Amino acid sequence: DVKEIADHVETFLDSINKDIKVAVMGCPVNGLGEA
């Protein structure tokens, strides 16, 4: 459920003020590769 998880993570990040790069990906090809 990429969209559902992304919505949840985006809301969580709304209150975070850090220079951190976070990914929500659909499969290991993109997750461990492109991200």
Full PDB file with SEQRES, HELIX, SHEET, SSBOND, CRYST1, ORIGX, SCALE, CONECT and MASTER records, all heavy atoms in Angstrom:
SEQRES   1 A   35  ASP VAL LYS GLU ILE ALA ASP HIS VAL GLU THR PHE LEU          
SEQRES   2 A   35  ASP SER ILE ASN LYS ASP ILE LYS VAL ALA VAL MET GLY          
SEQRES   3 A   35  CYS PRO VAL ASN GLY LEU GLY GLU ALA                          
HELIX    1 AA1 VAL A    2  LEU A   13  1                                  12    
HELIX    2 AA2 PRO A   28  PRO A   28  1                                   1    
HELIX    3 AA3 VAL A   29  GLU A   34  3                                   6    
CRYST1    1.000    1.000    1.000  90.00  90.00  90.00 P 1           1          
ORIGX1      1.000000  0.000000  0.000000        0.00000                         
ORIGX2      0.000000  1.000000  0.000000        0.00000                         
ORIGX3      0.000000  0.000000  1.000000        0.00000                         
SCALE1      1.000000  0.000000  0.000000        0.00000                         
SCALE2      0.000000  1.000000  0.000000        0.00000                         
SCALE3      0.000000  0.000000  1.000000        0.00000                         
ATOM      1  N   ASP A   1       0.828  -1.204   0.000  1.00  0.00           N  
ATOM      2  CA  ASP A   1       0.000   0.000   0.000  1.00  0.00           C  
ATOM      3  C   ASP A   1       0.868   1.263   0.000  1.00  0.00           C  
ATOM      4  O   ASP A   1       0.980   1.959   1.005  1.00  0.00           O  
ATOM      5  CB  ASP A   1      -0.916   0.008   1.228  1.00  0.00           C  
ATOM      6  CG  ASP A   1      -1.841  -1.187   1.268  1.00  0.00           C  
ATOM      7  OD1 ASP A   1      -2.327  -1.573   0.192  1.00  0.00           O  
ATOM      8  OD2 ASP A   1      -2.072  -1.733   2.370  1.00  0.00           O  
ATOM      9  N   VAL A   2       1.498   1.570  -1.129  1.00  0.00           N  
ATOM     10  CA  VAL A   2       2.420   2.705  -1.202  1.00  0.00           C  
ATOM     11  C   VAL A   2       1.716   4.017  -0.872  1.00  0.00           C  
ATOM     12  O   VAL A   2       2.202   4.815  -0.062  1.00  0.00           O  
ATOM     13  CB  VAL A   2       3.087   2.791  -2.593  1.00  0.00           C  
ATOM     14  CG1 VAL A   2       3.869   4.092  -2.731  1.00  0.00           C  
ATOM     15  CG2 VAL A   2       4.006   1.607  -2.807  1.00  0.00           C  
ATOM     16  N   LYS A   3       0.564   4.262  -1.481  1.00  0.00           N  
ATOM     17  CA  LYS A   3      -0.117   5.540  -1.256  1.00  0.00           C  
ATOM     18  C   LYS A   3      -0.523   5.708   0.207  1.00  0.00           C  
ATOM     19  O   LYS A   3      -0.329   6.773   0.799  1.00  0.00           O  
ATOM     20  CB  LYS A   3      -1.342   5.654  -2.161  1.00  0.00           C  
ATOM     21  CG  LYS A   3      -2.046   7.005  -2.045  1.00  0.00           C  
ATOM     22  CD  LYS A   3      -3.247   7.097  -2.952  1.00  0.00           C  
ATOM     23  CE  LYS A   3      -3.866   8.488  -2.900  1.00  0.00           C  
ATOM     24  NZ  LYS A   3      -4.228   8.902  -1.533  1.00  0.00           N  
ATOM     25  N   GLU A   4      -1.097   4.674   0.785  1.00  0.00           N  
ATOM     26  CA  GLU A   4      -1.532   4.753   2.179  1.00  0.00           C  
ATOM     27  C   GLU A   4      -0.350   5.023   3.108  1.00  0.00           C  
ATOM     28  O   GLU A   4      -0.427   5.865   4.013  1.00  0.00           O  
ATOM     29  CB  GLU A   4      -2.228   3.454   2.575  1.00  0.00           C  
ATOM     30  CG  GLU A   4      -2.699   3.425   4.016  1.00  0.00           C  
ATOM     31  CD  GLU A   4      -3.253   2.077   4.426  1.00  0.00           C  
ATOM     32  OE1 GLU A   4      -3.755   1.345   3.543  1.00  0.00           O  
ATOM     33  OE2 GLU A   4      -3.179   1.745   5.621  1.00  0.00           O  
ATOM     34  N   ILE A   5       0.747   4.311   2.893  1.00  0.00           N  
ATOM     35  CA  ILE A   5       1.929   4.499   3.749  1.00  0.00           C  
ATOM     36  C   ILE A   5       2.531   5.877   3.511  1.00  0.00           C  
ATOM     37  O   ILE A   5       2.945   6.563   4.451  1.00  0.00           O  
ATOM     38  CB  ILE A   5       2.970   3.391   3.489  1.00  0.00           C  
ATOM     39  CG1 ILE A   5       2.388   2.035   3.889  1.00  0.00           C  
ATOM     40  CG2 ILE A   5       4.255   3.661   4.262  1.00  0.00           C  
ATOM     41  CD1 ILE A   5       3.243   0.851   3.504  1.00  0.00           C  
ATOM     42  N   ALA A   6       2.580   6.299   2.248  1.00  0.00           N  
ATOM     43  CA  ALA A   6       3.144   7.618   1.934  1.00  0.00           C  
ATOM     44  C   ALA A   6       2.340   8.726   2.589  1.00  0.00           C  
ATOM     45  O   ALA A   6       2.909   9.695   3.122  1.00  0.00           O  
ATOM     46  CB  ALA A   6       3.204   7.822   0.423  1.00  0.00           C  
ATOM     47  N   ASP A   7       1.008   8.629   2.582  1.00  0.00           N  
ATOM     48  CA  ASP A   7       0.162   9.623   3.248  1.00  0.00           C  
ATOM     49  C   ASP A   7       0.477   9.674   4.744  1.00  0.00           C  
ATOM     50  O   ASP A   7       0.573  10.757   5.340  1.00  0.00           O  
ATOM     51  CB  ASP A   7      -1.318   9.292   3.047  1.00  0.00           C  
ATOM     52  CG  ASP A   7      -1.807   9.568   1.635  1.00  0.00           C  
ATOM     53  OD1 ASP A   7      -1.102  10.277   0.896  1.00  0.00           O  
ATOM     54  OD2 ASP A   7      -2.901   9.068   1.284  1.00  0.00           O  
ATOM     55  N   HIS A   8       0.629   8.504   5.337  1.00  0.00           N  
ATOM     56  CA  HIS A   8       0.932   8.431   6.770  1.00  0.00           C  
ATOM     57  C   HIS A   8       2.292   9.047   7.072  1.00  0.00           C  
ATOM     58  O   HIS A   8       2.430   9.856   8.004  1.00  0.00           O  
ATOM     59  CB  HIS A   8       0.912   6.972   7.225  1.00  0.00           C  
ATOM     60  CG  HIS A   8       1.256   6.787   8.667  1.00  0.00           C  
ATOM     61  ND1 HIS A   8       0.302   6.761   9.665  1.00  0.00           N  
ATOM     62  CD2 HIS A   8       2.463   6.656   9.298  1.00  0.00           C  
ATOM     63  CE1 HIS A   8       0.897   6.612  10.835  1.00  0.00           C  
ATOM     64  NE2 HIS A   8       2.198   6.537  10.634  1.00  0.00           N  
ATOM     65  N   VAL A   9       3.299   8.705   6.279  1.00  0.00           N  
ATOM     66  CA  VAL A   9       4.658   9.210   6.519  1.00  0.00           C  
ATOM     67  C   VAL A   9       4.725  10.710   6.265  1.00  0.00           C  
ATOM     68  O   VAL A   9       5.383  11.448   7.010  1.00  0.00           O  
ATOM     69  CB  VAL A   9       5.683   8.448   5.641  1.00  0.00           C  
ATOM     70  CG1 VAL A   9       7.066   9.085   5.756  1.00  0.00           C  
ATOM     71  CG2 VAL A   9       5.744   6.975   6.050  1.00  0.00           C  
ATOM     72  N   GLU A  10       4.042  11.188   5.238  1.00  0.00           N  
ATOM     73  CA  GLU A  10       4.032  12.624   4.960  1.00  0.00           C  
ATOM     74  C   GLU A  10       3.460  13.402   6.139  1.00  0.00           C  
ATOM     75  O   GLU A  10       4.008  14.438   6.554  1.00  0.00           O  
ATOM     76  CB  GLU A  10       3.215  12.922   3.706  1.00  0.00           C  
ATOM     77  CG  GLU A  10       3.183  14.400   3.342  1.00  0.00           C  
ATOM     78  CD  GLU A  10       2.357  14.684   2.104  1.00  0.00           C  
ATOM     79  OE1 GLU A  10       1.208  14.202   2.022  1.00  0.00           O  
ATOM     80  OE2 GLU A  10       2.857  15.390   1.214  1.00  0.00           O  
ATOM     81  N   THR A  11       2.358  12.917   6.695  1.00  0.00           N  
ATOM     82  CA  THR A  11       1.761  13.563   7.859  1.00  0.00           C  
ATOM     83  C   THR A  11       2.708  13.530   9.051  1.00  0.00           C  
ATOM     84  O   THR A  11       2.844  14.519   9.780  1.00  0.00           O  
ATOM     85  CB  THR A  11       0.432  12.870   8.225  1.00  0.00           C  
ATOM     86  OG1 THR A  11      -0.470  12.975   7.116  1.00  0.00           O  
ATOM     87  CG2 THR A  11      -0.204  13.513   9.446  1.00  0.00           C  
ATOM     88  N   PHE A  12       3.383  12.411   9.249  1.00  0.00           N  
ATOM     89  CA  PHE A  12       4.361  12.299  10.343  1.00  0.00           C  
ATOM     90  C   PHE A  12       5.492  13.308  10.168  1.00  0.00           C  
ATOM     91  O   PHE A  12       5.930  13.960  11.120  1.00  0.00           O  
ATOM     92  CB  PHE A  12       4.919  10.875  10.392  1.00  0.00           C  
ATOM     93  CG  PHE A  12       5.968  10.660  11.438  1.00  0.00           C  
ATOM     94  CD1 PHE A  12       5.611  10.484  12.772  1.00  0.00           C  
ATOM     95  CD2 PHE A  12       7.318  10.643  11.100  1.00  0.00           C  
ATOM     96  CE1 PHE A  12       6.583  10.288  13.745  1.00  0.00           C  
ATOM     97  CE2 PHE A  12       8.287  10.451  12.062  1.00  0.00           C  
ATOM     98  CZ  PHE A  12       7.923  10.271  13.394  1.00  0.00           C  
ATOM     99  N   LEU A  13       5.950  13.466   8.927  1.00  0.00           N  
ATOM    100  CA  LEU A  13       7.069  14.379   8.653  1.00  0.00           C  
ATOM    101  C   LEU A  13       6.680  15.850   8.762  1.00  0.00           C  
ATOM    102  O   LEU A  13       7.565  16.706   8.855  1.00  0.00           O  
ATOM    103  CB  LEU A  13       7.649  14.106   7.263  1.00  0.00           C  
ATOM    104  CG  LEU A  13       8.393  12.783   7.083  1.00  0.00           C  
ATOM    105  CD1 LEU A  13       8.792  12.598   5.621  1.00  0.00           C  
ATOM    106  CD2 LEU A  13       9.628  12.721   7.974  1.00  0.00           C  
ATOM    107  N   ASP A  14       5.386  16.156   8.744  1.00  0.00           N  
ATOM    108  CA  ASP A  14       4.944  17.550   8.858  1.00  0.00           C  
ATOM    109  C   ASP A  14       5.532  18.240  10.082  1.00  0.00           C  
ATOM    110  O   ASP A  14       5.799  19.445  10.064  1.00  0.00           O  
ATOM    111  CB  ASP A  14       3.410  17.617   8.946  1.00  0.00           C  
ATOM    112  CG  ASP A  14       2.743  17.549   7.582  1.00  0.00           C  
ATOM    113  OD1 ASP A  14       3.409  17.839   6.574  1.00  0.00           O  
ATOM    114  OD2 ASP A  14       1.538  17.205   7.536  1.00  0.00           O  
ATOM    115  N   SER A  15       5.714  17.496  11.161  1.00  0.00           N  
ATOM    116  CA  SER A  15       6.200  18.099  12.411  1.00  0.00           C  
ATOM    117  C   SER A  15       7.677  17.832  12.665  1.00  0.00           C  
ATOM    118  O   SER A  15       8.180  18.087  13.753  1.00  0.00           O  
ATOM    119  CB  SER A  15       5.376  17.561  13.597  1.00  0.00           C  
ATOM    120  OG  SER A  15       5.479  16.149  13.680  1.00  0.00           O  
ATOM    121  N   ILE A  16       8.389  17.340  11.654  1.00  0.00           N  
ATOM    122  CA  ILE A  16       9.821  17.040  11.782  1.00  0.00           C  
ATOM    123  C   ILE A  16      10.634  18.129  11.092  1.00  0.00           C  
ATOM    124  O   ILE A  16      10.415  18.419   9.922  1.00  0.00           O  
ATOM    125  CB  ILE A  16      10.160  15.664  11.167  1.00  0.00           C  
ATOM    126  CG1 ILE A  16       9.356  14.547  11.849  1.00  0.00           C  
ATOM    127  CG2 ILE A  16      11.654  15.386  11.258  1.00  0.00           C  
ATOM    128  CD1 ILE A  16       9.663  14.338  13.304  1.00  0.00           C  
ATOM    129  N   ASN A  17      11.575  18.718  11.810  1.00  0.00           N  
ATOM    130  CA  ASN A  17      12.455  19.738  11.221  1.00  0.00           C  
ATOM    131  C   ASN A  17      13.883  19.232  11.212  1.00  0.00           C  
ATOM    132  O   ASN A  17      14.728  19.662  11.996  1.00  0.00           O  
ATOM    133  CB  ASN A  17      12.352  21.052  12.010  1.00  0.00           C  
ATOM    134  CG  ASN A  17      10.945  21.612  12.002  1.00  0.00           C  
ATOM    135  OD1 ASN A  17      10.289  21.646  13.019  1.00  0.00           O  
ATOM    136  ND2 ASN A  17      10.489  22.031  10.843  1.00  0.00           N  
ATOM    137  N   LYS A  18      14.157  18.287  10.331  1.00  0.00           N  
ATOM    138  CA  LYS A  18      15.487  17.693  10.206  1.00  0.00           C  
ATOM    139  C   LYS A  18      15.826  17.516   8.733  1.00  0.00           C  
ATOM    140  O   LYS A  18      14.939  17.298   7.905  1.00  0.00           O  
ATOM    141  CB  LYS A  18      15.539  16.322  10.896  1.00  0.00           C  
ATOM    142  CG  LYS A  18      15.285  16.339  12.389  1.00  0.00           C  
ATOM    143  CD  LYS A  18      15.312  14.922  12.960  1.00  0.00           C  
ATOM    144  CE  LYS A  18      15.049  14.940  14.459  1.00  0.00           C  
ATOM    145  NZ  LYS A  18      15.060  13.566  15.035  1.00  0.00           N  
ATOM    146  N   ASP A  19      17.082  17.573   8.419  1.00  0.00           N  
ATOM    147  CA  ASP A  19      17.539  17.345   7.044  1.00  0.00           C  
ATOM    148  C   ASP A  19      17.732  15.847   6.856  1.00  0.00           C  
ATOM    149  O   ASP A  19      18.846  15.325   6.868  1.00  0.00           O  
ATOM    150  CB  ASP A  19      18.842  18.099   6.791  1.00  0.00           C  
ATOM    151  CG  ASP A  19      19.273  18.025   5.330  1.00  0.00           C  
ATOM    152  OD1 ASP A  19      18.436  17.643   4.487  1.00  0.00           O  
ATOM    153  OD2 ASP A  19      20.443  18.343   5.047  1.00  0.00           O  
ATOM    154  N   ILE A  20      16.624  15.149   6.707  1.00  0.00           N  
ATOM    155  CA  ILE A  20      16.633  13.701   6.556  1.00  0.00           C  
ATOM    156  C   ILE A  20      15.890  13.332   5.278  1.00  0.00           C  
ATOM    157  O   ILE A  20      14.882  13.939   4.937  1.00  0.00           O  
ATOM    158  CB  ILE A  20      15.995  13.007   7.786  1.00  0.00           C  
ATOM    159  CG1 ILE A  20      16.084  11.485   7.656  1.00  0.00           C  
ATOM    160  CG2 ILE A  20      14.552  13.468   8.002  1.00  0.00           C  
ATOM    161  CD1 ILE A  20      15.675  10.746   8.916  1.00  0.00           C  
ATOM    162  N   LYS A  21      16.407  12.328   4.579  1.00  0.00           N  
ATOM    163  CA  LYS A  21      15.803  11.884   3.328  1.00  0.00           C  
ATOM    164  C   LYS A  21      15.124  10.541   3.569  1.00  0.00           C  
ATOM    165  O   LYS A  21      15.760   9.562   3.958  1.00  0.00           O  
ATOM    166  CB  LYS A  21      16.867  11.757   2.236  1.00  0.00           C  
ATOM    167  CG  LYS A  21      16.308  11.618   0.827  1.00  0.00           C  
ATOM    168  CD  LYS A  21      17.426  11.734  -0.196  1.00  0.00           C  
ATOM    169  CE  LYS A  21      16.869  11.731  -1.617  1.00  0.00           C  
ATOM    170  NZ  LYS A  21      17.963  11.881  -2.624  1.00  0.00           N  
ATOM    171  N   VAL A  22      13.804  10.508   3.338  1.00  0.00           N  
ATOM    172  CA  VAL A  22      12.969   9.347   3.650  1.00  0.00           C  
ATOM    173  C   VAL A  22      12.319   8.844   2.364  1.00  0.00           C  
ATOM    174  O   VAL A  22      11.889   9.636   1.528  1.00  0.00           O  
ATOM    175  CB  VAL A  22      11.885   9.722   4.684  1.00  0.00           C  
ATOM    176  CG1 VAL A  22      11.040   8.502   5.041  1.00  0.00           C  
ATOM    177  CG2 VAL A  22      12.520  10.335   5.932  1.00  0.00           C  
ATOM    178  N   ALA A  23      12.221   7.519   2.240  1.00  0.00           N  
ATOM    179  CA  ALA A  23      11.620   6.941   1.038  1.00  0.00           C  
ATOM    180  C   ALA A  23      10.473   6.017   1.387  1.00  0.00           C  
ATOM    181  O   ALA A  23      10.517   5.298   2.386  1.00  0.00           O  
ATOM    182  CB  ALA A  23      12.674   6.173   0.247  1.00  0.00           C  
ATOM    183  N   VAL A  24       9.439   6.035   0.536  1.00  0.00           N  
ATOM    184  CA  VAL A  24       8.370   5.043   0.563  1.00  0.00           C  
ATOM    185  C   VAL A  24       8.289   4.478  -0.850  1.00  0.00           C  
ATOM    186  O   VAL A  24       7.905   5.182  -1.784  1.00  0.00           O  
ATOM    187  CB  VAL A  24       7.020   5.655   0.985  1.00  0.00           C  
ATOM    188  CG1 VAL A  24       5.923   4.585   0.949  1.00  0.00           C  
ATOM    189  CG2 VAL A  24       7.111   6.278   2.374  1.00  0.00           C  
ATOM    190  N   MET A  25       8.672   3.208  -0.993  1.00  0.00           N  
ATOM    191  CA  MET A  25       8.820   2.623  -2.322  1.00  0.00           C  
ATOM    192  C   MET A  25       7.963   1.376  -2.465  1.00  0.00           C  
ATOM    193  O   MET A  25       7.491   0.805  -1.478  1.00  0.00           O  
ATOM    194  CB  MET A  25      10.292   2.293  -2.584  1.00  0.00           C  
ATOM    195  CG  MET A  25      11.261   3.436  -2.289  1.00  0.00           C  
ATOM    196  SD  MET A  25      10.942   4.922  -3.265  1.00  0.00           S  
ATOM    197  CE  MET A  25      11.646   4.452  -4.842  1.00  0.00           C  
ATOM    198  N   GLY A  26       7.792   0.932  -3.711  1.00  0.00           N  
ATOM    199  CA  GLY A  26       6.887  -0.175  -3.972  1.00  0.00           C  
ATOM    200  C   GLY A  26       7.506  -1.550  -4.021  1.00  0.00           C  
ATOM    201  O   GLY A  26       6.834  -2.537  -3.771  1.00  0.00           O  
ATOM    202  N   CYS A  27       8.794  -1.627  -4.321  1.00  0.00           N  
ATOM    203  CA  CYS A  27       9.431  -2.942  -4.455  1.00  0.00           C  
ATOM    204  C   CYS A  27      10.923  -2.827  -4.187  1.00  0.00           C  
ATOM    205  O   CYS A  27      11.484  -1.723  -4.174  1.00  0.00           O  
ATOM    206  CB  CYS A  27       9.183  -3.509  -5.849  1.00  0.00           C  
ATOM    207  SG  CYS A  27      10.110  -2.642  -7.152  1.00  0.00           S  
ATOM    208  N   PRO A  28      11.620  -3.930  -3.973  1.00  0.00           N  
ATOM    209  CA  PRO A  28      13.059  -3.873  -3.687  1.00  0.00           C  
ATOM    210  C   PRO A  28      13.894  -3.272  -4.817  1.00  0.00           C  
ATOM    211  O   PRO A  28      14.965  -2.716  -4.581  1.00  0.00           O  
ATOM    212  CB  PRO A  28      13.426  -5.348  -3.463  1.00  0.00           C  
ATOM    213  CG  PRO A  28      12.154  -6.017  -3.092  1.00  0.00           C  
ATOM    214  CD  PRO A  28      11.089  -5.295  -3.856  1.00  0.00           C  
ATOM    215  N   VAL A  29      13.403  -3.378  -6.053  1.00  0.00           N  
ATOM    216  CA  VAL A  29      14.148  -2.801  -7.183  1.00  0.00           C  
ATOM    217  C   VAL A  29      14.350  -1.303  -6.961  1.00  0.00           C  
ATOM    218  O   VAL A  29      15.451  -0.768  -7.101  1.00  0.00           O  
ATOM    219  CB  VAL A  29      13.403  -3.047  -8.517  1.00  0.00           C  
ATOM    220  CG1 VAL A  29      14.090  -2.294  -9.658  1.00  0.00           C  
ATOM    221  CG2 VAL A  29      13.333  -4.528  -8.819  1.00  0.00           C  
ATOM    222  N   ASN A  30      13.250  -0.625  -6.603  1.00  0.00           N  
ATOM    223  CA  ASN A  30      13.336   0.815  -6.357  1.00  0.00           C  
ATOM    224  C   ASN A  30      13.880   1.121  -4.973  1.00  0.00           C  
ATOM    225  O   ASN A  30      14.678   2.042  -4.790  1.00  0.00           O  
ATOM    226  CB  ASN A  30      11.948   1.457  -6.509  1.00  0.00           C  
ATOM    227  CG  ASN A  30      11.494   1.498  -7.955  1.00  0.00           C  
ATOM    228  OD1 ASN A  30      12.308   1.436  -8.857  1.00  0.00           O  
ATOM    229  ND2 ASN A  30      10.196   1.575  -8.163  1.00  0.00           N  
ATOM    230  N   GLY A  31      13.444   0.357  -3.972  1.00  0.00           N  
ATOM    231  CA  GLY A  31      13.842   0.648  -2.601  1.00  0.00           C  
ATOM    232  C   GLY A  31      15.339   0.543  -2.382  1.00  0.00           C  
ATOM    233  O   GLY A  31      15.991   1.511  -1.967  1.00  0.00           O  
ATOM    234  N   LEU A  32      15.905  -0.607  -2.673  1.00  0.00           N  
ATOM    235  CA  LEU A  32      17.341  -0.819  -2.442  1.00  0.00           C  
ATOM    236  C   LEU A  32      18.193  -0.317  -3.597  1.00  0.00           C  
ATOM    237  O   LEU A  32      19.417  -0.252  -3.479  1.00  0.00           O  
ATOM    238  CB  LEU A  32      17.611  -2.309  -2.203  1.00  0.00           C  
ATOM    239  CG  LEU A  32      16.919  -2.896  -0.962  1.00  0.00           C  
ATOM    240  CD1 LEU A  32      17.202  -4.389  -0.851  1.00  0.00           C  
ATOM    241  CD2 LEU A  32      17.358  -2.182   0.293  1.00  0.00           C  
ATOM    242  N   GLY A  33      17.530   0.035  -4.703  1.00  0.00           N  
ATOM    243  CA  GLY A  33      18.270   0.529  -5.862  1.00  0.00           C  
ATOM    244  C   GLY A  33      18.169   2.026  -6.013  1.00  0.00           C  
ATOM    245  O   GLY A  33      19.065   2.782  -5.620  1.00  0.00           O  
ATOM    246  N   GLU A  34      17.032   2.491  -6.537  1.00  0.00           N  
ATOM    247  CA  GLU A  34      16.885   3.901  -6.852  1.00  0.00           C  
ATOM    248  C   GLU A  34      16.873   4.795  -5.615  1.00  0.00           C  
ATOM    249  O   GLU A  34      17.203   5.978  -5.697  1.00  0.00           O  
ATOM    250  CB  GLU A  34      15.596   4.108  -7.658  1.00  0.00           C  
ATOM    251  CG  GLU A  34      15.638   3.442  -9.030  1.00  0.00           C  
ATOM    252  CD  GLU A  34      14.320   3.542  -9.774  1.00  0.00           C  
ATOM    253  OE1 GLU A  34      13.460   4.316  -9.327  1.00  0.00           O  
ATOM    254  OE2 GLU A  34      14.149   2.841 -10.780  1.00  0.00           O  
ATOM    255  N   ALA A  35      16.473   4.269  -4.464  1.00  0.00           N  
ATOM    256  CA  ALA A  35      16.405   5.082  -3.244  1.00  0.00           C  
ATOM    257  C   ALA A  35      17.550   4.744  -2.277  1.00  0.00           C  
ATOM    258  O   ALA A  35      17.440   4.996  -1.074  1.00  0.00           O  
ATOM    259  CB  ALA A  35      15.071   4.873  -2.555  1.00  0.00           C  
TER     260      ALA A  35                                                      
MASTER        0    0    0    3    0    0    0    6  259    1    0    3          
END                                                                             
